[in-house]
Amino acid sequence: MKVDEYQELHSGAYNCDLSRSEKEVIRKKLLGYKSQVLANGSRCPAETENAIKHLNQELAPTKFWSTWTTVTKISALSSIA
């Protein structure tokens, strides 16, 4: 991976304007980079680990649920039951 691509992935990981699919692509590329680094016997840089953790939190299904208000959650749950 080239240095500019590496830096672009890290800045993209924290970009709020990217779509969910774009964030998933960035996460996959960072995970690929991490696996290459680990396969070579090196340690993954902390900034890469942090970017992956951040993207995992952003892309987690509970992130969507937590953005709803309590009233919406209650009405959604009562309509399911």
Protein backbone atom coordinates (compact mmCIF):
# COMPACT_ATOMS: atom_id res chain seq x y z
CA MET A 1 0.00 0.00 0.00
CA LYS A 2 1.32 3.42 -0.91
CA VAL A 3 1.75 6.08 1.75
CA ASP A 4 -0.83 8.44 0.23
CA GLU A 5 -3.42 5.66 0.03
CA TYR A 6 -2.68 4.76 3.66
CA GLN A 7 -3.16 8.39 4.76
CA GLU A 8 -6.28 8.76 2.63
CA LEU A 9 -7.83 5.67 4.26
CA HIS A 10 -7.15 7.04 7.73
CA SER A 11 -8.63 10.44 6.97
CA GLY A 12 -11.61 8.78 5.27
CA ALA A 13 -12.27 6.64 8.33
CA TYR A 14 -13.19 9.75 10.31
CA ASN A 15 -15.01 11.58 7.49
CA CYS A 16 -18.67 12.04 8.45
CA ASP A 17 -19.72 12.86 4.88
CA LEU A 18 -18.98 9.40 3.48
CA SER A 19 -21.75 6.91 2.85
CA ARG A 20 -22.05 3.64 4.72
CA SER A 21 -20.82 1.67 1.71
CA GLU A 22 -17.75 3.91 1.35
CA LYS A 23 -16.95 3.41 5.03
CA GLU A 24 -17.28 -0.36 4.60
CA VAL A 25 -14.79 -0.25 1.71
CA ILE A 26 -12.33 1.72 3.85
CA ARG A 27 -12.76 -0.72 6.74
CA LYS A 28 -12.11 -3.71 4.46
CA LYS A 29 -8.97 -2.09 3.06
CA LEU A 30 -7.68 -1.27 6.55
CA LEU A 31 -8.40 -4.82 7.71
CA GLY A 32 -6.51 -6.11 4.66
CA TYR A 33 -3.58 -3.87 5.52
CA LYS A 34 -3.68 -5.08 9.12
CA SER A 35 -3.63 -8.73 8.06
CA GLN A 36 -0.66 -8.08 5.75
CA VAL A 37 1.25 -6.37 8.55
CA LEU A 38 0.51 -9.18 10.99
CA ALA A 39 1.43 -11.82 8.40
CA ASN A 40 4.85 -10.17 8.06
CA GLY A 41 5.39 -10.49 11.80
CA SER A 42 5.04 -6.80 12.57
CA ARG A 43 2.65 -4.98 14.86
CA CYS A 44 -0.24 -3.03 13.43
CA PRO A 45 0.10 0.75 13.98
CA ALA A 46 -2.12 2.16 16.72
CA GLU A 47 -3.68 4.68 14.32
CA THR A 48 -4.84 1.82 12.09
CA GLU A 49 -6.27 -0.08 15.06
CA ASN A 50 -8.11 3.07 16.19
CA ALA A 51 -9.49 3.74 12.70
CA ILE A 52 -10.76 0.14 12.45
CA LYS A 53 -12.40 0.38 15.89
CA HIS A 54 -14.01 3.67 14.94
CA LEU A 55 -15.39 2.24 11.70
CA ASN A 56 -16.66 -0.87 13.50
CA GLN A 57 -18.60 1.39 15.85
CA GLU A 58 -19.90 3.53 12.99
CA LEU A 59 -21.04 0.51 11.00
CA ALA A 60 -22.50 -1.47 13.90
CA PRO A 61 -26.25 -2.13 13.61
CA THR A 62 -26.80 -0.72 17.10
CA LYS A 63 -25.53 2.67 15.91
CA PHE A 64 -28.70 3.08 13.84
CA TRP A 65 -30.92 2.00 16.71
CA SER A 66 -29.23 4.36 19.17
CA THR A 67 -29.96 7.37 16.95
CA TRP A 68 -33.68 6.95 17.48
CA THR A 69 -35.34 8.81 20.30
CA THR A 70 -36.81 6.95 23.26
CA VAL A 71 -40.35 7.76 22.12
CA THR A 72 -39.65 6.28 18.69
CA LYS A 73 -38.17 3.15 20.27
CA ILE A 74 -41.22 2.68 22.48
CA SER A 75 -43.66 3.17 19.62
CA ALA A 76 -41.63 0.82 17.40
CA LEU A 77 -41.52 -1.83 20.08
CA SER A 78 -45.22 -1.55 20.86
CA SER A 79 -46.11 -1.84 17.17
CA ILE A 80 -44.04 -5.03 16.92
CA ALA A 81 -45.73 -6.61 19.94
